[in-house]
């Protein structure tokens, strides 16, 4: 086996691990990480034309898949324990992680064209999602139940997070109160969770990948700004209440700042990786 292939395989496993970790981590989009690592187009090609794509990118898929499963399953248990330790503090870190991705999302959304319709798309998305989520949580008091249908919904959202850069399914799952139970099921290899989750995720990837590619190729600016509005709205929705003591508020703010710094630094690293991949 050639040394170059071994190094490439190790790189694929590491990339898959980080993508899997990003998928389970609220505020981080698996699709964005795939794009940053230069494997987004290959994955979309596989999803759009499975027979041709798998044959062409089989080796990459195997090693990225191994890394993805390791990151996804391994980190699920860690996030579960962190939320049990102090949910408010962990949520503030997650909010910071999301906020740190905003500059990159803004830059990506305006790469092709930014005009008044783009901004209108962002504003409408933000207002609509904020209103809908407020009604769901505070008026209708809707939650996602930890049952077969609930795990299917989780899988659907996760599938979307891989094909829509910037979309974080974990943030929504936190909002609807099912994230911790799902993390527990994944980390303990509960097939009652994993099977419906995997079925819905795969179905979403296969059914919607072509549509998402078409939408982002044809209406990149409008779609990207709409995603930004969605991200901003969901970020505000998971913020813990700041009506506790001044000491807690200071801790919350420090956690948000730390999350922003970590996310911003990670985005810079991903940008360098993407630039290097494009050069090669």
Protein backbone atom coordinates (compact mmCIF):
# COMPACT_ATOMS: atom_id res chain seq x y z
CA UNK A 1 0.00 0.00 0.00
CA UNK A 2 1.44 3.37 -1.01
CA UNK A 3 2.47 5.78 1.72
CA UNK A 4 0.55 8.61 0.02
CA UNK A 5 -2.69 6.61 0.18
CA UNK A 6 -2.15 5.79 3.87
CA UNK A 7 -1.68 9.51 4.64
CA UNK A 8 -4.76 10.37 2.57
CA UNK A 9 -6.80 7.70 4.37
CA UNK A 10 -5.72 9.06 7.77
CA UNK A 11 -6.71 12.57 6.62
CA UNK A 12 -10.14 11.30 5.52
CA UNK A 13 -10.71 9.60 8.89
CA UNK A 14 -9.73 12.79 10.74
CA UNK A 15 -11.99 14.88 8.51
CA UNK A 16 -14.86 12.44 9.04
CA UNK A 17 -14.29 12.50 12.79
CA UNK A 18 -14.51 16.31 12.88
CA UNK A 19 -17.62 16.29 10.65
CA UNK A 20 -19.25 13.71 12.94
CA UNK A 21 -18.29 15.74 15.99
CA UNK A 22 -19.70 18.85 14.31
CA UNK A 23 -22.95 17.05 13.53
CA UNK A 24 -23.57 16.24 17.20
CA UNK A 25 -22.36 19.63 18.47
CA UNK A 26 -25.06 22.32 18.58
CA UNK A 27 -24.20 25.35 16.48
CA UNK A 28 -21.91 23.55 14.07
CA UNK A 29 -23.13 22.44 10.65
CA UNK A 30 -21.92 19.13 9.23
CA UNK A 31 -22.50 20.53 5.74
CA UNK A 32 -20.29 23.55 6.46
CA UNK A 33 -17.47 21.30 7.69
CA UNK A 34 -17.75 19.08 4.61
CA UNK A 35 -17.50 22.22 2.49
CA UNK A 36 -14.49 23.47 4.47
CA UNK A 37 -12.67 20.16 4.02
CA UNK A 38 -13.32 20.10 0.27
CA UNK A 39 -15.51 16.96 0.33
CA UNK A 40 -18.93 18.64 0.04
CA UNK A 41 -19.16 18.38 -3.76
CA UNK A 42 -18.10 14.72 -3.73
CA UNK A 43 -20.74 13.86 -1.13
CA UNK A 44 -23.44 15.72 -3.09
CA UNK A 45 -22.31 13.85 -6.21
CA UNK A 46 -22.73 10.53 -4.38
CA UNK A 47 -26.17 11.51 -3.09
CA UNK A 48 -27.34 12.86 -6.45
CA UNK A 49 -26.15 9.81 -8.39
CA UNK A 50 -25.41 6.99 -5.88
CA UNK A 51 -24.27 4.29 -8.31
CA UNK A 52 -21.82 6.49 -10.19
CA UNK A 53 -20.79 8.48 -7.12
CA UNK A 54 -20.07 5.49 -4.87
CA UNK A 55 -17.97 3.86 -7.58
CA UNK A 56 -15.99 7.06 -8.07
CA UNK A 57 -15.50 8.03 -4.41
CA UNK A 58 -15.75 4.66 -2.65
CA UNK A 59 -12.42 4.86 -0.80
CA UNK A 60 -13.06 8.38 0.46
CA UNK A 61 -16.57 7.42 1.63
CA UNK A 62 -15.31 4.43 3.61
CA UNK A 63 -12.68 6.34 5.58
CA UNK A 64 -14.73 9.51 6.02
CA UNK A 65 -17.62 7.30 7.16
CA UNK A 66 -15.45 5.52 9.75
CA UNK A 67 -14.27 8.84 11.16
CA UNK A 68 -17.79 10.27 11.09
CA UNK A 69 -19.25 7.40 13.12
CA UNK A 70 -16.44 7.64 15.68
CA UNK A 71 -16.92 11.39 16.13
CA UNK A 72 -20.72 11.20 16.13
CA UNK A 73 -21.07 8.37 18.65
CA UNK A 74 -18.09 9.31 20.81
CA UNK A 75 -19.00 12.94 21.36
CA UNK A 76 -22.71 12.23 21.98
CA UNK A 77 -21.89 10.85 25.42
CA UNK A 78 -19.73 13.85 26.28
CA UNK A 79 -22.42 16.40 25.40
CA UNK A 80 -24.98 14.39 27.38
CA UNK A 81 -22.82 14.56 30.51
CA UNK A 82 -22.05 18.26 30.02
CA UNK A 83 -25.75 19.13 29.79
CA UNK A 84 -26.42 17.17 33.00
CA UNK A 85 -23.59 19.04 34.73
CA UNK A 86 -24.82 22.58 34.00
CA UNK A 87 -27.27 23.07 31.15
CA UNK A 88 -27.29 26.88 31.24
CA UNK A 89 -23.49 27.17 31.06
CA UNK A 90 -23.26 24.61 28.25
CA UNK A 91 -26.04 26.34 26.30
CA UNK A 92 -24.15 29.65 26.56
CA UNK A 93 -21.03 28.00 25.14
CA UNK A 94 -23.14 26.58 22.31
CA UNK A 95 -24.64 30.04 21.67
CA UNK A 96 -21.11 31.41 21.41
CA UNK A 97 -20.15 28.63 19.01
CA UNK A 98 -23.09 29.54 16.79
CA UNK A 99 -22.39 33.29 17.00
CA UNK A 100 -18.79 32.65 15.95
CA UNK A 101 -19.98 31.15 12.66
CA UNK A 102 -22.00 34.26 11.68
CA UNK A 103 -19.10 36.16 9.99
CA UNK A 104 -18.30 33.12 7.83
CA UNK A 105 -21.98 32.61 6.98
CA UNK A 106 -22.27 36.30 6.06
CA UNK A 107 -19.18 36.08 3.87
CA UNK A 108 -20.38 32.91 2.15
CA UNK A 109 -23.88 34.31 1.60
CA UNK A 110 -22.50 37.35 -0.21
CA UNK A 111 -19.93 35.57 -2.38
CA UNK A 112 -22.03 35.68 -5.54
CA UNK A 113 -24.37 38.60 -5.01
CA UNK A 114 -25.92 40.54 -2.15
CA UNK A 115 -28.77 42.96 -2.75
CA UNK A 116 -31.89 44.26 -1.02
CA UNK A 117 -33.74 41.02 -1.73
CA UNK A 118 -31.01 39.08 0.07
CA UNK A 119 -31.43 41.24 3.17
CA UNK A 120 -35.21 40.96 2.93
CA UNK A 121 -34.80 37.17 2.76
CA UNK A 122 -32.71 37.24 5.95
CA UNK A 123 -35.16 39.50 7.82
CA UNK A 124 -38.26 37.54 6.78
CA UNK A 125 -36.58 34.26 7.71
CA UNK A 126 -35.52 35.61 11.11
CA UNK A 127 -38.96 37.02 11.95
CA UNK A 128 -40.90 34.02 10.64
CA UNK A 129 -38.76 31.46 12.47
CA UNK A 130 -38.78 33.52 15.69
CA UNK A 131 -42.58 33.77 15.64
CA UNK A 132 -43.08 30.10 14.77
CA UNK A 133 -40.66 28.90 17.44
CA UNK A 134 -42.18 31.22 20.05
CA UNK A 135 -45.63 29.83 19.28
CA UNK A 136 -44.35 26.26 19.36
CA UNK A 137 -42.56 26.67 22.68
CA UNK A 138 -44.63 29.16 24.66
CA UNK A 139 -48.17 28.96 23.26
CA UNK A 140 -48.62 25.47 21.84
CA UNK A 141 -45.85 24.07 24.10
CA UNK A 142 -44.80 21.57 21.45
CA UNK A 143 -41.89 19.24 22.05
CA UNK A 144 -40.49 16.28 20.17
CA UNK A 145 -41.26 13.09 22.08
CA UNK A 146 -38.40 10.56 22.50
CA UNK A 147 -40.15 7.83 20.51
CA UNK A 148 -39.94 6.29 17.03
CA UNK A 149 -41.55 9.30 15.32
CA UNK A 150 -39.35 11.67 17.32
CA UNK A 151 -36.18 9.86 16.24
CA UNK A 152 -37.38 10.02 12.62
CA UNK A 153 -37.73 13.80 12.96
CA UNK A 154 -34.23 13.95 14.43
CA UNK A 155 -32.87 11.99 11.47
CA UNK A 156 -34.65 14.28 9.00
CA UNK A 157 -33.15 17.37 10.63
CA UNK A 158 -29.70 15.80 10.71
CA UNK A 159 -29.91 14.90 7.04
CA UNK A 160 -30.70 18.55 6.25
CA UNK A 161 -27.70 19.72 8.30
CA UNK A 162 -25.38 17.78 5.96
CA UNK A 163 -26.78 19.20 2.72
CA UNK A 164 -27.54 22.77 3.84
CA UNK A 165 -24.30 24.52 4.90
CA UNK A 166 -24.90 26.61 8.02
CA UNK A 167 -27.93 24.62 9.19
CA UNK A 168 -27.42 23.03 12.63
CA UNK A 169 -29.95 20.35 13.51
CA UNK A 170 -28.60 19.97 17.05
CA UNK A 171 -29.64 23.53 17.90
CA UNK A 172 -33.24 22.73 16.96
CA UNK A 173 -33.17 19.51 18.94
CA UNK A 174 -31.98 21.43 21.99
CA UNK A 175 -34.85 23.86 21.51
CA UNK A 176 -37.43 21.08 21.30
CA UNK A 177 -36.05 19.32 24.37
CA UNK A 178 -34.98 16.01 22.82
CA UNK A 179 -31.24 16.54 22.39
CA UNK A 180 -30.13 15.01 25.69
CA UNK A 181 -32.25 11.84 25.29
CA UNK A 182 -31.01 11.42 21.74
CA UNK A 183 -27.37 11.88 22.81
CA UNK A 184 -27.90 9.22 25.47
CA UNK A 185 -29.34 6.79 22.91
CA UNK A 186 -26.50 7.36 20.45
CA UNK A 187 -23.71 7.09 23.03
CA UNK A 188 -25.20 3.86 24.44
CA UNK A 189 -25.75 2.39 20.96
CA UNK A 190 -29.50 2.10 21.50
CA UNK A 191 -30.79 0.65 18.22
CA UNK A 192 -34.28 1.89 19.06
CA UNK A 193 -32.79 5.35 18.53
CA UNK A 194 -30.11 4.62 15.93
CA UNK A 195 -32.29 2.71 13.42
CA UNK A 196 -35.07 5.31 12.89
CA UNK A 197 -32.46 8.08 13.11
CA UNK A 198 -30.35 6.45 10.39
CA UNK A 199 -33.33 5.61 8.15
CA UNK A 200 -34.68 9.17 8.22
CA UNK A 201 -31.22 10.70 7.75
CA UNK A 202 -30.44 8.52 4.72
CA UNK A 203 -33.88 9.13 3.19
CA UNK A 204 -33.49 12.90 3.64
CA UNK A 205 -30.04 12.89 2.06
CA UNK A 206 -31.22 10.88 -0.95
CA UNK A 207 -34.52 12.73 -1.46
CA UNK A 208 -33.47 16.33 -0.91
CA UNK A 209 -29.82 16.54 -1.98
CA UNK A 210 -30.65 17.30 -5.63
CA UNK A 211 -33.25 19.88 -4.62
CA UNK A 212 -30.88 21.62 -2.20
CA UNK A 213 -28.11 21.68 -4.78
CA UNK A 214 -30.51 23.18 -7.34
CA UNK A 215 -31.76 25.84 -4.90
CA UNK A 216 -28.30 26.87 -3.75
CA UNK A 217 -26.88 26.83 -7.29
CA UNK A 218 -29.71 28.95 -8.71
CA UNK A 219 -30.65 31.14 -5.72
CA UNK A 220 -27.48 31.07 -3.64
CA UNK A 221 -27.78 34.56 -2.16
CA UNK A 222 -31.45 34.32 -1.21
CA UNK A 223 -31.11 30.80 0.21
CA UNK A 224 -27.90 31.56 2.13
CA UNK A 225 -29.34 34.71 3.71
CA UNK A 226 -32.50 32.81 4.64
CA UNK A 227 -30.31 30.21 6.38
CA UNK A 228 -28.58 33.04 8.25
CA UNK A 229 -31.94 34.33 9.48
CA UNK A 230 -32.79 30.80 10.61
CA UNK A 231 -29.47 30.46 12.47
CA UNK A 232 -29.89 33.82 14.23
CA UNK A 233 -33.44 33.00 15.32
CA UNK A 234 -32.57 29.55 16.68
CA UNK A 235 -29.56 30.99 18.52
CA UNK A 236 -31.72 33.46 20.44
CA UNK A 237 -34.27 30.75 21.20
CA UNK A 238 -31.82 28.51 23.09
CA UNK A 239 -30.37 31.31 25.23
CA UNK A 240 -30.96 30.53 28.93
CA UNK A 241 -32.82 33.19 30.96
CA UNK A 242 -30.56 35.96 32.28
CA UNK A 243 -32.80 36.64 35.31
CA UNK A 244 -30.51 34.95 37.82
CA UNK A 245 -27.83 36.57 39.98
CA UNK A 246 -25.17 38.90 38.63
CA UNK A 247 -22.53 36.23 39.19
CA UNK A 248 -24.35 33.75 36.95
CA UNK A 249 -24.84 36.40 34.25
CA UNK A 250 -21.09 37.14 34.22
CA UNK A 251 -20.33 33.43 33.90
CA UNK A 252 -22.85 33.12 31.07
CA UNK A 253 -21.28 36.05 29.20
CA UNK A 254 -17.77 34.62 29.65
CA UNK A 255 -18.97 31.26 28.28
CA UNK A 256 -20.53 32.97 25.25
CA UNK A 257 -17.31 34.89 24.56
CA UNK A 258 -15.24 31.69 24.88
CA UNK A 259 -17.60 29.92 22.49
CA UNK A 260 -17.32 32.77 19.97
CA UNK A 261 -13.51 32.70 20.17
CA UNK A 262 -13.34 28.91 19.74
CA UNK A 263 -15.78 28.94 16.83
CA UNK A 264 -14.10 31.87 15.11
CA UNK A 265 -10.68 30.21 15.41
CA UNK A 266 -12.06 26.93 14.08
CA UNK A 267 -13.61 28.73 11.10
CA UNK A 268 -10.25 30.31 10.30
CA UNK A 269 -8.62 26.87 10.42
CA UNK A 270 -11.34 25.42 8.15
CA UNK A 271 -10.83 28.30 5.74
CA UNK A 272 -7.11 27.57 5.52
CA UNK A 273 -7.81 23.88 4.94
CA UNK A 274 -10.31 24.75 2.19
CA UNK A 275 -7.88 27.17 0.51
CA UNK A 276 -5.14 24.54 0.56
CA UNK A 277 -7.50 21.94 -0.92
CA UNK A 278 -8.53 24.34 -3.69
CA UNK A 279 -4.87 25.04 -4.51
CA UNK A 280 -4.16 21.34 -4.81
